[in-house]
Protein backbone atom coordinates (compact mmCIF):
# COMPACT_ATOMS: atom_id res chain seq x y z
CA MET A 1 -31.17 20.21 18.94
CA THR A 2 -29.56 16.84 19.60
CA HIS A 3 -27.07 16.04 22.29
CA PRO A 4 -23.43 15.89 21.03
CA LEU A 5 -23.10 12.34 22.33
CA VAL A 6 -26.08 11.23 20.23
CA ALA A 7 -24.56 12.88 17.15
CA PHE A 8 -21.25 11.13 17.90
CA LEU A 9 -22.93 7.73 18.26
CA LYS A 10 -24.72 8.16 14.93
CA THR A 11 -21.45 8.95 13.14
CA PRO A 12 -19.86 5.93 11.41
CA MET A 13 -16.48 5.11 12.95
CA ALA A 14 -14.94 3.08 10.14
CA ALA A 15 -14.34 4.00 6.54
CA PRO A 16 -16.20 2.12 3.82
CA GLU A 17 -14.04 -0.77 2.67
CA THR A 18 -12.41 -0.16 -0.71
CA ARG A 19 -11.67 -2.93 -3.18
CA THR A 20 -7.98 -2.80 -2.26
CA LEU A 21 -8.64 -3.00 1.48
CA ARG A 22 -11.09 -5.85 0.93
CA SER A 23 -8.55 -7.85 -1.05
CA MET A 24 -5.87 -7.11 1.55
CA ARG A 25 -8.20 -8.26 4.35
CA ARG A 26 -9.08 -11.44 2.48
CA LEU A 27 -5.42 -12.19 1.80
CA TRP A 28 -4.56 -11.67 5.47
CA MET A 29 -7.38 -14.01 6.52
CA ALA A 30 -6.23 -16.61 3.96
CA LEU A 31 -2.69 -16.42 5.34
CA CYS A 32 -4.02 -16.93 8.87
CA TRP A 33 -6.10 -19.94 7.78
CA ALA A 34 -3.14 -21.39 5.88
CA LEU A 35 -0.96 -20.95 8.95
CA ALA A 36 -3.53 -22.75 11.10
CA LEU A 37 -3.70 -25.56 8.54
CA ALA A 38 0.10 -25.84 8.42
CA VAL A 39 0.21 -26.13 12.21
CA MET A 40 -2.53 -28.77 12.27
CA LEU A 41 -0.77 -30.75 9.53
CA LEU A 42 2.61 -30.58 11.26
CA PRO A 43 2.76 -34.36 11.91
CA VAL A 44 2.12 -35.02 8.21
CA LEU A 45 4.69 -32.42 7.20
CA LYS A 46 7.15 -33.99 9.65
CA ALA A 47 6.77 -37.32 7.84
CA LEU A 48 7.18 -35.65 4.42
CA LEU A 49 9.84 -33.01 5.10
CA GLY A 50 11.64 -34.32 8.16
CA PRO A 51 13.47 -31.60 10.08
CA TRP A 52 12.20 -28.92 7.67
CA ALA A 53 8.56 -29.53 8.64
CA GLY A 54 8.24 -26.25 10.52
CA LEU A 55 9.42 -24.14 7.59
CA PRO A 56 5.97 -23.73 5.92
CA ALA A 57 4.44 -22.60 9.22
CA LEU A 58 7.34 -20.24 9.84
CA LEU A 59 7.06 -18.68 6.38
CA LEU A 60 3.27 -18.37 6.63
CA GLY A 61 3.59 -16.83 10.09
CA LEU A 62 6.06 -14.24 8.85
CA ALA A 63 3.94 -13.50 5.77
CA ALA A 64 0.78 -13.10 7.89
CA LEU A 65 2.62 -10.83 10.32
CA LEU A 66 4.13 -8.59 7.65
CA HIS A 67 0.97 -8.40 5.55
CA GLY A 68 -1.07 -7.78 8.69
CA LEU A 69 1.11 -4.81 9.59
CA VAL A 70 0.68 -3.34 6.12
CA TYR A 71 -3.07 -4.00 6.06
CA PHE A 72 -3.82 -2.62 9.53
CA ARG A 73 -1.77 0.52 8.87
CA ALA A 74 -3.65 1.10 5.60
CA LYS A 75 -6.99 0.44 7.34
CA ALA A 76 -6.15 2.85 10.18
CA ARG A 77 -5.08 5.49 7.66
CA ALA A 78 -8.34 5.12 5.70
CA ASP A 79 -10.36 5.32 8.93
CA ASP A 80 -8.51 8.47 10.00
CA VAL A 81 -9.13 10.19 6.66
CA PHE A 82 -12.77 9.14 6.74
CA GLY A 83 -13.14 10.40 10.31
CA ARG A 84 -11.74 13.81 9.39
CA GLU A 85 -14.09 14.11 6.41
CA VAL A 86 -17.25 13.13 8.28
CA ARG A 87 -16.82 15.24 11.42
CA PRO A 88 -16.88 19.03 11.14
């Protein structure tokens, strides 16, 4: 007989990543990297776009935020379903 804590520690805590969740995670990471790039290139964008230079960073920030909310809710939902199936 094993201790309940040992059984709990052996139980996986996260659901296996589906193809949809993987693509959502990769898209979220790409949006974050694009946002970082837009911020680093702000002086160049300022020279090209003038007062509108912050617009790409703003749009990428909003897209990353909204997609992140959708992704993390879907990931939490998948983890909850997986947790209910694994544990008795």
